[in-house]
mmCIF file of all heavy atoms, coordinates in Angstrom:
data_MODEL
# 
_entry.id   MODEL 
# 
loop_
_atom_site.group_PDB 
_atom_site.id 
_atom_site.type_symbol 
_atom_site.label_atom_id 
_atom_site.label_alt_id 
_atom_site.label_comp_id 
_atom_site.label_asym_id 
_atom_site.label_entity_id 
_atom_site.label_seq_id 
_atom_site.pdbx_PDB_ins_code 
_atom_site.Cartn_x 
_atom_site.Cartn_y 
_atom_site.Cartn_z 
_atom_site.occupancy 
_atom_site.B_iso_or_equiv 
_atom_site.pdbx_formal_charge 
_atom_site.auth_seq_id 
_atom_site.auth_comp_id 
_atom_site.auth_asym_id 
_atom_site.auth_atom_id 
_atom_site.pdbx_PDB_model_num 
ATOM 1   N N   . ARG A 1 1  ? -15.233 4.825  12.648 1.00 0.00 ? 1  ARG A N   1 
ATOM 2   C CA  . ARG A 1 1  ? -14.689 3.477  12.475 1.00 0.00 ? 1  ARG A CA  1 
ATOM 3   C C   . ARG A 1 1  ? -13.226 3.484  12.920 1.00 0.00 ? 1  ARG A C   1 
ATOM 4   O O   . ARG A 1 1  ? -12.570 4.521  12.915 1.00 0.00 ? 1  ARG A O   1 
ATOM 5   C CB  . ARG A 1 1  ? -14.788 3.029  11.016 1.00 0.00 ? 1  ARG A CB  1 
ATOM 6   C CG  . ARG A 1 1  ? -16.211 2.768  10.528 1.00 0.00 ? 1  ARG A CG  1 
ATOM 7   C CD  . ARG A 1 1  ? -16.245 2.537  9.027  1.00 0.00 ? 1  ARG A CD  1 
ATOM 8   N NE  . ARG A 1 1  ? -15.848 3.741  8.310  1.00 0.00 ? 1  ARG A NE  1 
ATOM 9   C CZ  . ARG A 1 1  ? -15.320 3.738  7.084  1.00 0.00 ? 1  ARG A CZ  1 
ATOM 10  N NH1 . ARG A 1 1  ? -15.096 2.608  6.444  1.00 0.00 ? 1  ARG A NH1 1 
ATOM 11  N NH2 . ARG A 1 1  ? -14.996 4.871  6.506  1.00 0.00 ? 1  ARG A NH2 1 
ATOM 12  N N   . PHE A 1 2  ? -12.746 2.299  13.284 1.00 0.00 ? 2  PHE A N   1 
ATOM 13  C CA  . PHE A 1 2  ? -11.384 2.177  13.803 1.00 0.00 ? 2  PHE A CA  1 
ATOM 14  C C   . PHE A 1 2  ? -10.675 1.013  13.130 1.00 0.00 ? 2  PHE A C   1 
ATOM 15  O O   . PHE A 1 2  ? -11.286 -0.014 12.827 1.00 0.00 ? 2  PHE A O   1 
ATOM 16  C CB  . PHE A 1 2  ? -11.400 1.952  15.318 1.00 0.00 ? 2  PHE A CB  1 
ATOM 17  C CG  . PHE A 1 2  ? -10.042 1.629  15.897 1.00 0.00 ? 2  PHE A CG  1 
ATOM 18  C CD1 . PHE A 1 2  ? -9.135  2.646  16.164 1.00 0.00 ? 2  PHE A CD1 1 
ATOM 19  C CD2 . PHE A 1 2  ? -9.671  0.314  16.133 1.00 0.00 ? 2  PHE A CD2 1 
ATOM 20  C CE1 . PHE A 1 2  ? -7.872  2.349  16.679 1.00 0.00 ? 2  PHE A CE1 1 
ATOM 21  C CE2 . PHE A 1 2  ? -8.419  0.009  16.648 1.00 0.00 ? 2  PHE A CE2 1 
ATOM 22  C CZ  . PHE A 1 2  ? -7.521  1.031  16.927 1.00 0.00 ? 2  PHE A CZ  1 
ATOM 23  N N   . VAL A 1 3  ? -9.357  1.169  12.926 1.00 0.00 ? 3  VAL A N   1 
ATOM 24  C CA  . VAL A 1 3  ? -8.558  0.070  12.399 1.00 0.00 ? 3  VAL A CA  1 
ATOM 25  C C   . VAL A 1 3  ? -7.242  -0.018 13.168 1.00 0.00 ? 3  VAL A C   1 
ATOM 26  O O   . VAL A 1 3  ? -6.587  0.989  13.414 1.00 0.00 ? 3  VAL A O   1 
ATOM 27  C CB  . VAL A 1 3  ? -8.284  0.235  10.884 1.00 0.00 ? 3  VAL A CB  1 
ATOM 28  C CG1 . VAL A 1 3  ? -7.514  1.524  10.571 1.00 0.00 ? 3  VAL A CG1 1 
ATOM 29  C CG2 . VAL A 1 3  ? -7.543  -0.986 10.328 1.00 0.00 ? 3  VAL A CG2 1 
ATOM 30  N N   . GLN A 1 4  ? -6.899  -1.242 13.585 1.00 0.00 ? 4  GLN A N   1 
ATOM 31  C CA  . GLN A 1 4  ? -5.586  -1.462 14.176 1.00 0.00 ? 4  GLN A CA  1 
ATOM 32  C C   . GLN A 1 4  ? -4.581  -1.642 13.047 1.00 0.00 ? 4  GLN A C   1 
ATOM 33  O O   . GLN A 1 4  ? -4.766  -2.484 12.161 1.00 0.00 ? 4  GLN A O   1 
ATOM 34  C CB  . GLN A 1 4  ? -5.577  -2.699 15.074 1.00 0.00 ? 4  GLN A CB  1 
ATOM 35  C CG  . GLN A 1 4  ? -4.237  -2.928 15.761 1.00 0.00 ? 4  GLN A CG  1 
ATOM 36  C CD  . GLN A 1 4  ? -4.203  -4.199 16.597 1.00 0.00 ? 4  GLN A CD  1 
ATOM 37  O OE1 . GLN A 1 4  ? -5.027  -5.095 16.413 1.00 0.00 ? 4  GLN A OE1 1 
ATOM 38  N NE2 . GLN A 1 4  ? -3.253  -4.282 17.518 1.00 0.00 ? 4  GLN A NE2 1 
ATOM 39  N N   . MET A 1 5  ? -3.513  -0.842 13.081 1.00 0.00 ? 5  MET A N   1 
ATOM 40  C CA  . MET A 1 5  ? -2.546  -0.888 11.979 1.00 0.00 ? 5  MET A CA  1 
ATOM 41  C C   . MET A 1 5  ? -1.260  -0.206 12.422 1.00 0.00 ? 5  MET A C   1 
ATOM 42  O O   . MET A 1 5  ? -1.273  0.742  13.203 1.00 0.00 ? 5  MET A O   1 
ATOM 43  C CB  . MET A 1 5  ? -3.111  -0.173 10.749 1.00 0.00 ? 5  MET A CB  1 
ATOM 44  C CG  . MET A 1 5  ? -2.289  -0.333 9.487  1.00 0.00 ? 5  MET A CG  1 
ATOM 45  S SD  . MET A 1 5  ? -2.981  0.655  8.124  1.00 0.00 ? 5  MET A SD  1 
ATOM 46  C CE  . MET A 1 5  ? -4.617  -0.078 7.970  1.00 0.00 ? 5  MET A CE  1 
ATOM 47  N N   . GLN A 1 6  ? -0.146  -0.694 11.917 1.00 0.00 ? 6  GLN A N   1 
ATOM 48  C CA  . GLN A 1 6  ? 1.134   -0.027 12.118 1.00 0.00 ? 6  GLN A CA  1 
ATOM 49  C C   . GLN A 1 6  ? 1.420   0.875  10.923 1.00 0.00 ? 6  GLN A C   1 
ATOM 50  O O   . GLN A 1 6  ? 1.245   0.459  9.774  1.00 0.00 ? 6  GLN A O   1 
ATOM 51  C CB  . GLN A 1 6  ? 2.254   -1.047 12.275 1.00 0.00 ? 6  GLN A CB  1 
ATOM 52  C CG  . GLN A 1 6  ? 2.161   -1.889 13.541 1.00 0.00 ? 6  GLN A CG  1 
ATOM 53  C CD  . GLN A 1 6  ? 3.284   -2.894 13.638 1.00 0.00 ? 6  GLN A CD  1 
ATOM 54  O OE1 . GLN A 1 6  ? 3.578   -3.609 12.673 1.00 0.00 ? 6  GLN A OE1 1 
ATOM 55  N NE2 . GLN A 1 6  ? 3.926   -2.959 14.793 1.00 0.00 ? 6  GLN A NE2 1 
ATOM 56  N N   . LEU A 1 7  ? 1.901   2.080  11.190 1.00 0.00 ? 7  LEU A N   1 
ATOM 57  C CA  . LEU A 1 7  ? 2.225   2.988  10.093 1.00 0.00 ? 7  LEU A CA  1 
ATOM 58  C C   . LEU A 1 7  ? 3.372   2.459  9.236  1.00 0.00 ? 7  LEU A C   1 
ATOM 59  O O   . LEU A 1 7  ? 3.502   2.827  8.068  1.00 0.00 ? 7  LEU A O   1 
ATOM 60  C CB  . LEU A 1 7  ? 2.593   4.379  10.641 1.00 0.00 ? 7  LEU A CB  1 
ATOM 61  C CG  . LEU A 1 7  ? 1.495   5.137  11.377 1.00 0.00 ? 7  LEU A CG  1 
ATOM 62  C CD1 . LEU A 1 7  ? 1.988   6.526  11.758 1.00 0.00 ? 7  LEU A CD1 1 
ATOM 63  C CD2 . LEU A 1 7  ? 0.234   5.238  10.532 1.00 0.00 ? 7  LEU A CD2 1 
ATOM 64  N N   . GLU A 1 8  ? 4.206   1.602  9.821  1.00 0.00 ? 8  GLU A N   1 
ATOM 65  C CA  . GLU A 1 8  ? 5.298   1.008  9.050  1.00 0.00 ? 8  GLU A CA  1 
ATOM 66  C C   . GLU A 1 8  ? 4.792   0.030  7.995  1.00 0.00 ? 8  GLU A C   1 
ATOM 67  O O   . GLU A 1 8  ? 5.533   -0.325 7.061  1.00 0.00 ? 8  GLU A O   1 
ATOM 68  C CB  . GLU A 1 8  ? 6.270   0.263  9.982  1.00 0.00 ? 8  GLU A CB  1 
ATOM 69  C CG  . GLU A 1 8  ? 6.800   1.091  11.144 1.00 0.00 ? 8  GLU A CG  1 
ATOM 70  C CD  . GLU A 1 8  ? 5.984   0.890  12.411 1.00 0.00 ? 8  GLU A CD  1 
ATOM 71  O OE1 . GLU A 1 8  ? 4.842   1.372  12.473 1.00 0.00 ? 8  GLU A OE1 1 
ATOM 72  O OE2 . GLU A 1 8  ? 6.497   0.225  13.343 1.00 0.00 ? 8  GLU A OE2 1 
ATOM 73  N N   . ASP A 1 9  ? 3.550   -0.414 8.132  1.00 0.00 ? 9  ASP A N   1 
ATOM 74  C CA  . ASP A 1 9  ? 2.939   -1.377 7.204  1.00 0.00 ? 9  ASP A CA  1 
ATOM 75  C C   . ASP A 1 9  ? 2.408   -0.624 5.985  1.00 0.00 ? 9  ASP A C   1 
ATOM 76  O O   . ASP A 1 9  ? 1.215   -0.346 5.859  1.00 0.00 ? 9  ASP A O   1 
ATOM 77  C CB  . ASP A 1 9  ? 1.810   -2.117 7.926  1.00 0.00 ? 9  ASP A CB  1 
ATOM 78  C CG  . ASP A 1 9  ? 1.186   -3.221 7.089  1.00 0.00 ? 9  ASP A CG  1 
ATOM 79  O OD1 . ASP A 1 9  ? 1.520   -3.327 5.893  1.00 0.00 ? 9  ASP A OD1 1 
ATOM 80  O OD2 . ASP A 1 9  ? 0.346   -3.961 7.638  1.00 0.00 ? 9  ASP A OD2 1 
ATOM 81  N N   . LYS A 1 10 ? 3.315   -0.296 5.076  1.00 0.00 ? 10 LYS A N   1 
ATOM 82  C CA  . LYS A 1 10 ? 2.993   0.585  3.953  1.00 0.00 ? 10 LYS A CA  1 
ATOM 83  C C   . LYS A 1 10 ? 1.887   0.035  3.064  1.00 0.00 ? 10 LYS A C   1 
ATOM 84  O O   . LYS A 1 10 ? 0.985   0.764  2.639  1.00 0.00 ? 10 LYS A O   1 
ATOM 85  C CB  . LYS A 1 10 ? 4.243   0.860  3.116  1.00 0.00 ? 10 LYS A CB  1 
ATOM 86  C CG  . LYS A 1 10 ? 4.015   1.861  1.970  1.00 0.00 ? 10 LYS A CG  1 
ATOM 87  C CD  . LYS A 1 10 ? 5.282   2.116  1.195  1.00 0.00 ? 10 LYS A CD  1 
ATOM 88  C CE  . LYS A 1 10 ? 5.064   3.196  0.140  1.00 0.00 ? 10 LYS A CE  1 
ATOM 89  N NZ  . LYS A 1 10 ? 3.989   2.860  -0.805 1.00 0.00 ? 10 LYS A NZ  1 
ATOM 90  N N   . GLY A 1 11 ? 1.921   -1.252 2.777  1.00 0.00 ? 11 GLY A N   1 
ATOM 91  C CA  . GLY A 1 11 ? 0.929   -1.842 1.881  1.00 0.00 ? 11 GLY A CA  1 
ATOM 92  C C   . GLY A 1 11 ? -0.487  -1.720 2.414  1.00 0.00 ? 11 GLY A C   1 
ATOM 93  O O   . GLY A 1 11 ? -1.405  -1.310 1.690  1.00 0.00 ? 11 GLY A O   1 
ATOM 94  N N   . THR A 1 12 ? -0.673  -2.044 3.692  1.00 0.00 ? 12 THR A N   1 
ATOM 95  C CA  . THR A 1 12 ? -2.001  -1.969 4.289  1.00 0.00 ? 12 THR A CA  1 
ATOM 96  C C   . THR A 1 12 ? -2.450  -0.520 4.433  1.00 0.00 ? 12 THR A C   1 
ATOM 97  O O   . THR A 1 12 ? -3.633  -0.197 4.233  1.00 0.00 ? 12 THR A O   1 
ATOM 98  C CB  . THR A 1 12 ? -2.005  -2.671 5.666  1.00 0.00 ? 12 THR A CB  1 
ATOM 99  O OG1 . THR A 1 12 ? -1.451  -3.984 5.527  1.00 0.00 ? 12 THR A OG1 1 
ATOM 100 C CG2 . THR A 1 12 ? -3.411  -2.796 6.214  1.00 0.00 ? 12 THR A CG2 1 
ATOM 101 N N   . LEU A 1 13 ? -1.507  0.366  4.762  1.00 0.00 ? 13 LEU A N   1 
ATOM 102 C CA  . LEU A 1 13 ? -1.828  1.792  4.880  1.00 0.00 ? 13 LEU A CA  1 
ATOM 103 C C   . LEU A 1 13 ? -2.264  2.365  3.533  1.00 0.00 ? 13 LEU A C   1 
ATOM 104 O O   . LEU A 1 13 ? -3.250  3.111  3.445  1.00 0.00 ? 13 LEU A O   1 
ATOM 105 C CB  . LEU A 1 13 ? -0.615  2.560  5.415  1.00 0.00 ? 13 LEU A CB  1 
ATOM 106 C CG  . LEU A 1 13 ? -0.836  4.041  5.728  1.00 0.00 ? 13 LEU A CG  1 
ATOM 107 C CD1 . LEU A 1 13 ? -1.779  4.217  6.918  1.00 0.00 ? 13 LEU A CD1 1 
ATOM 108 C CD2 . LEU A 1 13 ? 0.509   4.731  6.007  1.00 0.00 ? 13 LEU A CD2 1 
ATOM 109 N N   . ASP A 1 14 ? -1.554  2.015  2.481  1.00 0.00 ? 14 ASP A N   1 
ATOM 110 C CA  . ASP A 1 14 ? -1.914  2.496  1.140  1.00 0.00 ? 14 ASP A CA  1 
ATOM 111 C C   . ASP A 1 14 ? -3.321  2.049  0.744  1.00 0.00 ? 14 ASP A C   1 
ATOM 112 O O   . ASP A 1 14 ? -4.094  2.815  0.145  1.00 0.00 ? 14 ASP A O   1 
ATOM 113 C CB  . ASP A 1 14 ? -0.899  2.006  0.106  1.00 0.00 ? 14 ASP A CB  1 
ATOM 114 C CG  . ASP A 1 14 ? 0.400   2.808  0.123  1.00 0.00 ? 14 ASP A CG  1 
ATOM 115 O OD1 . ASP A 1 14 ? 0.438   3.853  0.801  1.00 0.00 ? 14 ASP A OD1 1 
ATOM 116 O OD2 . ASP A 1 14 ? 1.363   2.391  -0.544 1.00 0.00 ? 14 ASP A OD2 1 
ATOM 117 N N   . LYS A 1 15 ? -3.656  0.807  1.071  1.00 0.00 ? 15 LYS A N   1 
ATOM 118 C CA  . LYS A 1 15 ? -4.998  0.304  0.747  1.00 0.00 ? 15 LYS A CA  1 
ATOM 119 C C   . LYS A 1 15 ? -6.070  1.102  1.470  1.00 0.00 ? 15 LYS A C   1 
ATOM 120 O O   . LYS A 1 15 ? -7.140  1.388  0.913  1.00 0.00 ? 15 LYS A O   1 
ATOM 121 C CB  . LYS A 1 15 ? -5.102  -1.183 1.102  1.00 0.00 ? 15 LYS A CB  1 
ATOM 122 C CG  . LYS A 1 15 ? -4.308  -2.099 0.169  1.00 0.00 ? 15 LYS A CG  1 
ATOM 123 C CD  . LYS A 1 15 ? -4.435  -3.553 0.601  1.00 0.00 ? 15 LYS A CD  1 
ATOM 124 C CE  . LYS A 1 15 ? -3.597  -4.460 -0.300 1.00 0.00 ? 15 LYS A CE  1 
ATOM 125 N NZ  . LYS A 1 15 ? -3.653  -5.876 0.159  1.00 0.00 ? 15 LYS A NZ  1 
ATOM 126 N N   . LEU A 1 16 ? -5.789  1.467  2.706  1.00 0.00 ? 16 LEU A N   1 
ATOM 127 C CA  . LEU A 1 16 ? -6.740  2.273  3.485  1.00 0.00 ? 16 LEU A CA  1 
ATOM 128 C C   . LEU A 1 16 ? -6.968  3.622  2.807  1.00 0.00 ? 16 LEU A C   1 
ATOM 129 O O   . LEU A 1 16 ? -8.101  4.062  2.633  1.00 0.00 ? 16 LEU A O   1 
ATOM 130 C CB  . LEU A 1 16 ? -6.215  2.471  4.908  1.00 0.00 ? 16 LEU A CB  1 
ATOM 131 C CG  . LEU A 1 16 ? -7.113  3.299  5.838  1.00 0.00 ? 16 LEU A CG  1 
ATOM 132 C CD1 . LEU A 1 16 ? -8.387  2.536  6.182  1.00 0.00 ? 16 LEU A CD1 1 
ATOM 133 C CD2 . LEU A 1 16 ? -6.350  3.668  7.121  1.00 0.00 ? 16 LEU A CD2 1 
ATOM 134 N N   . PHE A 1 17 ? -5.894  4.281  2.412  1.00 0.00 ? 17 PHE A N   1 
ATOM 135 C CA  . PHE A 1 17 ? -5.999  5.576  1.740  1.00 0.00 ? 17 PHE A CA  1 
ATOM 136 C C   . PHE A 1 17 ? -6.714  5.453  0.401  1.00 0.00 ? 17 PHE A C   1 
ATOM 137 O O   . PHE A 1 17 ? -7.560  6.287  0.052  1.00 0.00 ? 17 PHE A O   1 
ATOM 138 C CB  . PHE A 1 17 ? -4.610  6.185  1.524  1.00 0.00 ? 17 PHE A CB  1 
ATOM 139 C CG  . PHE A 1 17 ? -4.121  7.024  2.669  1.00 0.00 ? 17 PHE A CG  1 
ATOM 140 C CD1 . PHE A 1 17 ? -3.663  6.434  3.845  1.00 0.00 ? 17 PHE A CD1 1 
ATOM 141 C CD2 . PHE A 1 17 ? -4.092  8.399  2.572  1.00 0.00 ? 17 PHE A CD2 1 
ATOM 142 C CE1 . PHE A 1 17 ? -3.198  7.205  4.901  1.00 0.00 ? 17 PHE A CE1 1 
ATOM 143 C CE2 . PHE A 1 17 ? -3.632  9.191  3.613  1.00 0.00 ? 17 PHE A CE2 1 
ATOM 144 C CZ  . PHE A 1 17 ? -3.187  8.586  4.785  1.00 0.00 ? 17 PHE A CZ  1 
ATOM 145 N N   . GLU A 1 18 ? -6.392  4.419  -0.354 1.00 0.00 ? 18 GLU A N   1 
ATOM 146 C CA  . GLU A 1 18 ? -6.999  4.220  -1.668 1.00 0.00 ? 18 GLU A CA  1 
ATOM 147 C C   . GLU A 1 18 ? -8.505  4.001  -1.554 1.00 0.00 ? 18 GLU A C   1 
ATOM 148 O O   . GLU A 1 18 ? -9.289  4.529  -2.348 1.00 0.00 ? 18 GLU A O   1 
ATOM 149 C CB  . GLU A 1 18 ? -6.352  3.014  -2.362 1.00 0.00 ? 18 GLU A CB  1 
ATOM 150 C CG  . GLU A 1 18 ? -6.871  2.767  -3.755 1.00 0.00 ? 18 GLU A CG  1 
ATOM 151 C CD  . GLU A 1 18 ? -6.192  1.581  -4.423 1.00 0.00 ? 18 GLU A CD  1 
ATOM 152 O OE1 . GLU A 1 18 ? -5.575  0.749  -3.718 1.00 0.00 ? 18 GLU A OE1 1 
ATOM 153 O OE2 . GLU A 1 18 ? -6.274  1.470  -5.657 1.00 0.00 ? 18 GLU A OE2 1 
ATOM 154 N N   . THR A 1 19 ? -8.917  3.254  -0.538 1.00 0.00 ? 19 THR A N   1 
ATOM 155 C CA  . THR A 1 19 ? -10.332 2.915  -0.358 1.00 0.00 ? 19 THR A CA  1 
ATOM 156 C C   . THR A 1 19 ? -11.142 4.073  0.231  1.00 0.00 ? 19 THR A C   1 
ATOM 157 O O   . THR A 1 19 ? -12.259 4.346  -0.224 1.00 0.00 ? 19 THR A O   1 
ATOM 158 C CB  . THR A 1 19 ? -10.467 1.685  0.564  1.00 0.00 ? 19 THR A CB  1 
ATOM 159 O OG1 . THR A 1 19 ? -9.738  0.595  0.005  1.00 0.00 ? 19 THR A OG1 1 
ATOM 160 C CG2 . THR A 1 19 ? -11.924 1.295  0.732  1.00 0.00 ? 19 THR A CG2 1 
ATOM 161 N N   . GLU A 1 20 ? -10.567 4.754  1.213  1.00 0.00 ? 20 GLU A N   1 
ATOM 162 C CA  . GLU A 1 20 ? -11.349 5.703  2.005  1.00 0.00 ? 20 GLU A CA  1 
ATOM 163 C C   . GLU A 1 20 ? -11.378 7.121  1.448  1.00 0.00 ? 20 GLU A C   1 
ATOM 164 O O   . GLU A 1 20 ? -12.292 7.883  1.738  1.00 0.00 ? 20 GLU A O   1 
ATOM 165 C CB  . GLU A 1 20 ? -10.839 5.721  3.459  1.00 0.00 ? 20 GLU A CB  1 
ATOM 166 C CG  . GLU A 1 20 ? -11.055 4.413  4.197  1.00 0.00 ? 20 GLU A CG  1 
ATOM 167 C CD  . GLU A 1 20 ? -12.515 4.019  4.282  1.00 0.00 ? 20 GLU A CD  1 
ATOM 168 O OE1 . GLU A 1 20 ? -13.371 4.905  4.487  1.00 0.00 ? 20 GLU A OE1 1 
ATOM 169 O OE2 . GLU A 1 20 ? -12.806 2.820  4.141  1.00 0.00 ? 20 GLU A OE2 1 
ATOM 170 N N   . LYS A 1 21 ? -10.349 7.513  0.708  1.00 0.00 ? 21 LYS A N   1 
ATOM 171 C CA  . LYS A 1 21 ? -10.321 8.857  0.077  1.00 0.00 ? 21 LYS A CA  1 
ATOM 172 C C   . LYS A 1 21 ? -10.573 9.973  1.096  1.00 0.00 ? 21 LYS A C   1 
ATOM 173 O O   . LYS A 1 21 ? -11.583 10.676 1.067  1.00 0.00 ? 21 LYS A O   1 
ATOM 174 C CB  . LYS A 1 21 ? -11.329 8.915  -1.073 1.00 0.00 ? 21 LYS A CB  1 
ATOM 175 C CG  . LYS A 1 21 ? -11.020 7.932  -2.196 1.00 0.00 ? 21 LYS A CG  1 
ATOM 176 C CD  . LYS A 1 21 ? -12.069 7.956  -3.296 1.00 0.00 ? 21 LYS A CD  1 
ATOM 177 C CE  . LYS A 1 21 ? -11.639 7.106  -4.484 1.00 0.00 ? 21 LYS A CE  1 
ATOM 178 N NZ  . LYS A 1 21 ? -11.318 5.715  -4.141 1.00 0.00 ? 21 LYS A NZ  1 
ATOM 179 N N   . PHE A 1 22 ? -9.609  10.154 1.981  1.00 0.00 ? 22 PHE A N   1 
ATOM 180 C CA  . PHE A 1 22 ? -9.729  11.126 3.067  1.00 0.00 ? 22 PHE A CA  1 
ATOM 181 C C   . PHE A 1 22 ? -9.618  12.565 2.559  1.00 0.00 ? 22 PHE A C   1 
ATOM 182 O O   . PHE A 1 22 ? -8.896  12.854 1.615  1.00 0.00 ? 22 PHE A O   1 
ATOM 183 C CB  . PHE A 1 22 ? -8.640  10.876 4.114  1.00 0.00 ? 22 PHE A CB  1 
ATOM 184 C CG  . PHE A 1 22 ? -8.707  9.517  4.744  1.00 0.00 ? 22 PHE A CG  1 
ATOM 185 C CD1 . PHE A 1 22 ? -7.732  8.561  4.475  1.00 0.00 ? 22 PHE A CD1 1 
ATOM 186 C CD2 . PHE A 1 22 ? -9.748  9.179  5.592  1.00 0.00 ? 22 PHE A CD2 1 
ATOM 187 C CE1 . PHE A 1 22 ? -7.785  7.308  5.048  1.00 0.00 ? 22 PHE A CE1 1 
ATOM 188 C CE2 . PHE A 1 22 ? -9.808  7.918  6.174  1.00 0.00 ? 22 PHE A CE2 1 
ATOM 189 C CZ  . PHE A 1 22 ? -8.829  6.979  5.896  1.00 0.00 ? 22 PHE A CZ  1 
ATOM 190 N N   . ASP A 1 23 ? -10.319 13.460 3.254  1.00 0.00 ? 23 ASP A N   1 
ATOM 191 C CA  . ASP A 1 23 ? -10.180 14.897 2.999  1.00 0.00 ? 23 ASP A CA  1 
ATOM 192 C C   . ASP A 1 23 ? -9.018  15.486 3.785  1.00 0.00 ? 23 ASP A C   1 
ATOM 193 O O   . ASP A 1 23 ? -8.405  16.468 3.361  1.00 0.00 ? 23 ASP A O   1 
ATOM 194 C CB  . ASP A 1 23 ? -11.460 15.640 3.403  1.00 0.00 ? 23 ASP A CB  1 
ATOM 195 C CG  . ASP A 1 23 ? -12.665 15.190 2.602  1.00 0.00 ? 23 ASP A CG  1 
ATOM 196 O OD1 . ASP A 1 23 ? -12.573 15.171 1.370  1.00 0.00 ? 23 ASP A OD1 1 
ATOM 197 O OD2 . ASP A 1 23 ? -13.695 14.857 3.223  1.00 0.00 ? 23 ASP A OD2 1 
ATOM 198 N N   . ALA A 1 24 ? -8.749  14.920 4.948  1.00 0.00 ? 24 ALA A N   1 
ATOM 199 C CA  . ALA A 1 24 ? -7.680  15.428 5.808  1.00 0.00 ? 24 ALA A CA  1 
ATOM 200 C C   . ALA A 1 24 ? -7.115  14.285 6.641  1.00 0.00 ? 24 ALA A C   1 
ATOM 201 O O   . ALA A 1 24 ? -7.796  13.293 6.914  1.00 0.00 ? 24 ALA A O   1 
ATOM 202 C CB  . ALA A 1 24 ? -8.207  16.530 6.727  1.00 0.00 ? 24 ALA A CB  1 
# 
């Protein structure tokens, strides 16, 4: 899966991490 996002967008990035629970 792919998502367009800026790393500077902390709020949206945090939501991605919270939802997806990455291993790496």
